[in-house]
Amino acid sequence: MTTQITHLRGIAALRPLRGHHPAVVVCLDDAAAYESRRDELAGLDAKLVVEREPGELSARLGRPSVTVVDRYLEVALHGADLDADDVVKNVRWLEIRCEECPQSGVDMGQCAGDWG
């Protein structure tokens, strides 16, 4: 049975981010590809959370895994092998979308791959 993760609000370590910052949660032994993008993510007001050793995050999200969440800890992207460029593009999309705008119903994620 497969369970789809929809939010990370139940993870105590991430609660301080809720309402303030999107986050990229990396559960990998080698997170260098994501750590090299830390400044770029910070420029988008996102936090990078890395778990190098199996722990609570790996138990909840799987290992290996990379998860992108919005500022309300809703999962936007989750997978075992996500490209760092795609992760940054997804965070950029999270920051420009407007939950209150009529056009927010449009799935802009489909066109996120076109952004440089």
Protein backbone atom coordinates (compact mmCIF):
# COMPACT_ATOMS: atom_id res chain seq x y z
CA MET A 1 0.00 0.00 0.00
CA THR A 2 1.38 3.42 -0.98
CA THR A 3 0.64 6.50 1.09
CA GLN A 4 0.92 9.90 -0.50
CA ILE A 5 2.44 12.52 1.80
CA THR A 6 0.38 15.70 1.65
CA HIS A 7 1.89 17.80 4.46
CA LEU A 8 4.66 17.80 7.05
CA ARG A 9 2.90 19.72 9.82
CA GLY A 10 3.22 16.76 12.20
CA ILE A 11 7.03 16.90 12.21
CA ALA A 12 8.09 18.93 15.23
CA ALA A 13 11.50 19.86 13.79
CA LEU A 14 9.81 21.69 10.90
CA ARG A 15 7.12 23.55 12.86
CA PRO A 16 9.22 26.74 13.31
CA LEU A 17 9.18 27.14 9.52
CA ARG A 18 5.38 26.99 9.23
CA GLY A 19 3.90 30.25 8.03
CA HIS A 20 7.32 31.73 7.38
CA HIS A 21 9.45 29.76 4.90
CA PRO A 22 9.18 27.14 2.20
CA ALA A 23 11.65 24.32 2.75
CA VAL A 24 13.60 21.64 0.95
CA VAL A 25 13.99 18.54 3.12
CA VAL A 26 16.82 16.30 1.93
CA CYS A 27 17.20 12.79 3.37
CA LEU A 28 20.37 11.67 1.61
CA ASP A 29 23.84 10.52 2.63
CA ASP A 30 25.32 12.91 0.06
CA ALA A 31 23.36 16.14 -0.20
CA ALA A 32 26.13 18.13 -1.93
CA ALA A 33 23.99 18.91 -4.99
CA TYR A 34 21.44 20.62 -2.76
CA GLU A 35 23.90 22.18 -0.32
CA SER A 36 25.64 23.88 -3.26
CA ARG A 37 22.30 25.63 -3.93
CA ARG A 38 21.77 26.76 -0.30
CA ASP A 39 22.43 30.45 -1.07
CA GLU A 40 20.09 30.37 -4.06
CA LEU A 41 17.35 28.80 -1.93
CA ALA A 42 17.97 31.38 0.80
CA GLY A 43 17.53 34.09 -1.84
CA LEU A 44 14.05 32.64 -2.40
CA ASP A 45 13.46 32.74 1.40
CA ALA A 46 13.56 28.93 1.53
CA LYS A 47 15.27 26.81 4.16
CA LEU A 48 17.36 23.76 3.37
CA VAL A 49 17.00 20.95 5.91
CA VAL A 50 19.46 18.09 5.46
CA GLU A 51 19.35 14.76 7.29
CA ARG A 52 22.57 12.88 6.44
CA GLU A 53 21.98 9.98 8.83
CA PRO A 54 18.67 8.09 9.04
CA GLY A 55 16.42 9.75 11.61
CA GLU A 56 12.89 11.08 12.13
CA LEU A 57 12.69 12.78 8.74
CA SER A 58 13.86 9.67 6.89
CA ALA A 59 11.40 7.54 8.84
CA ARG A 60 8.52 9.82 7.80
CA LEU A 61 9.58 10.71 4.25
CA GLY A 62 11.63 7.72 3.16
CA ARG A 63 15.29 7.43 2.40
CA PRO A 64 16.55 8.45 -0.04
CA SER A 65 14.13 11.32 -0.55
CA VAL A 66 13.87 15.01 -1.32
CA THR A 67 10.72 16.92 -0.37
CA VAL A 68 9.74 20.50 -1.21
CA VAL A 69 7.11 22.11 1.00
CA ASP A 70 5.48 25.51 0.88
CA ARG A 71 5.41 27.91 3.82
CA TYR A 72 2.44 26.04 5.29
CA LEU A 73 4.33 22.71 5.09
CA GLU A 74 2.10 21.41 2.28
CA VAL A 75 4.08 19.04 0.06
CA ALA A 76 4.64 20.43 -3.42
CA LEU A 77 7.19 17.87 -4.64
CA HIS A 78 8.44 14.58 -3.20
CA GLY A 79 10.62 11.88 -4.66
CA ALA A 80 13.58 9.61 -4.18
CA ASP A 81 15.72 11.21 -6.88
CA LEU A 82 14.85 14.82 -7.66
CA ASP A 83 17.16 17.01 -9.70
CA ALA A 84 18.45 20.02 -7.74
CA ASP A 85 17.54 22.35 -10.65
CA ASP A 86 13.95 21.09 -10.58
CA VAL A 87 13.80 21.59 -6.83
CA VAL A 88 14.95 25.22 -7.10
CA LYS A 89 12.47 25.85 -9.92
CA ASN A 90 9.68 24.42 -7.79
CA VAL A 91 10.61 26.66 -4.85
CA ARG A 92 10.62 29.64 -7.22
CA TRP A 93 7.12 28.67 -8.38
CA LEU A 94 5.93 28.41 -4.76
CA GLU A 95 7.11 31.93 -4.09
CA ILE A 96 5.34 33.52 -7.07
CA ARG A 97 1.99 31.77 -6.78
CA CYS A 98 -0.81 33.60 -5.06
CA GLU A 99 -3.34 31.52 -3.17
CA GLU A 100 -5.87 34.37 -3.27
CA CYS A 101 -5.61 35.17 -6.98
CA PRO A 102 -8.20 33.74 -9.40
CA GLN A 103 -5.43 32.45 -11.65
CA SER A 104 -3.93 30.42 -8.79
CA GLY A 105 -6.15 27.54 -9.89
CA VAL A 106 -3.95 27.22 -12.97
CA ASP A 107 -1.31 24.53 -12.57
CA MET A 108 1.76 26.66 -13.19
CA GLY A 109 3.93 23.74 -12.11
CA GLN A 110 3.53 22.32 -15.58
CA CYS A 111 5.35 25.28 -17.06
CA ALA A 112 7.95 25.55 -14.27
CA GLY A 113 10.32 23.43 -16.36
CA ASP A 114 10.58 26.33 -18.82
CA TRP A 115 12.11 28.65 -16.22
CA GLY A 116 15.84 29.15 -16.18
